[in-house]
Amino acid sequence: MDIDLTGARWVKSLHSGNGGNCVEVCPDFATVVPVRDSKDPEGPALTVSAEAFASFVAGIKAGDFGRV
């Protein structure tokens, strides 16, 4: 899916800290969630379905991936 991310509003978790190992997401789309590396804001963005991203976040909260 090709989406225009020019002027996108990127956010990162409040739990990210200042270590630089962060990802940012763009919450401005209903059906997809663009994700990028905060250290490379001009680099590529990975786009996943909103459903898959919600499942991923739920799995993190449930501890499915161990200590993250």
Protein backbone atom coordinates (compact mmCIF):
# COMPACT_ATOMS: atom_id res chain seq x y z
CA MET A 1 0.00 0.00 0.00
CA ASP A 2 1.40 3.37 -0.99
CA ILE A 3 0.44 6.16 1.42
CA ASP A 4 1.69 9.71 1.59
CA LEU A 5 3.46 10.31 4.90
CA THR A 6 4.46 13.88 4.07
CA GLY A 7 3.60 15.95 7.12
CA ALA A 8 2.66 12.86 9.12
CA ARG A 9 2.37 13.22 12.90
CA TRP A 10 4.83 10.72 14.39
CA VAL A 11 4.68 9.72 18.06
CA LYS A 12 6.64 7.39 20.31
CA SER A 13 5.77 5.75 23.59
CA LEU A 14 6.18 7.72 26.78
CA HIS A 15 8.07 4.64 28.02
CA SER A 16 10.75 5.03 25.36
CA GLY A 17 13.22 6.96 27.48
CA ASN A 18 16.14 8.74 25.90
CA GLY A 19 18.30 5.79 24.87
CA GLY A 20 17.63 6.30 21.17
CA ASN A 21 16.33 2.77 20.56
CA CYS A 22 12.79 3.82 19.72
CA VAL A 23 10.19 3.31 17.09
CA GLU A 24 7.62 5.88 16.17
CA VAL A 25 4.12 5.30 14.86
CA CYS A 26 1.75 7.51 12.92
CA PRO A 27 -1.77 7.17 14.38
CA ASP A 28 -3.44 9.21 11.63
CA PHE A 29 -4.79 6.33 9.54
CA ALA A 30 -7.78 4.12 10.32
CA THR A 31 -6.73 0.87 8.67
CA VAL A 32 -2.91 0.94 8.75
CA VAL A 33 -0.16 1.95 11.18
CA PRO A 34 3.07 3.28 9.69
CA VAL A 35 6.11 2.51 11.89
CA ARG A 36 9.63 3.97 11.58
CA ASP A 37 12.95 4.09 13.39
CA SER A 38 13.20 7.33 15.38
CA LYS A 39 16.95 7.49 14.70
CA ASP A 40 16.29 7.60 10.94
CA PRO A 41 13.24 9.85 10.44
CA GLU A 42 13.97 10.26 6.74
CA GLY A 43 14.33 6.50 6.26
CA PRO A 44 11.68 4.00 5.26
CA ALA A 45 8.48 3.34 7.15
CA LEU A 46 6.97 -0.10 7.59
CA THR A 47 3.19 -0.14 7.21
CA VAL A 48 1.17 -2.80 9.02
CA SER A 49 -2.55 -3.29 9.32
CA ALA A 50 -4.17 -1.61 12.31
CA GLU A 51 -5.47 -5.02 13.38
CA ALA A 52 -1.99 -6.59 13.33
CA PHE A 53 -0.50 -3.65 15.23
CA ALA A 54 -3.24 -3.85 17.88
CA SER A 55 -2.52 -7.57 18.29
CA PHE A 56 1.20 -6.84 18.62
CA VAL A 57 0.60 -4.20 21.32
CA ALA A 58 -1.80 -6.52 23.17
CA GLY A 59 0.85 -9.26 23.07
CA ILE A 60 3.45 -6.92 24.55
CA LYS A 61 1.08 -5.90 27.34
CA ALA A 62 0.28 -9.55 28.04
CA GLY A 63 3.98 -10.47 28.25
CA ASP A 64 3.85 -12.77 25.22
CA PHE A 65 7.31 -11.67 24.10
CA GLY A 66 9.07 -11.83 27.44
CA ARG A 67 10.67 -8.75 28.88
CA VAL A 68 10.64 -6.04 26.21
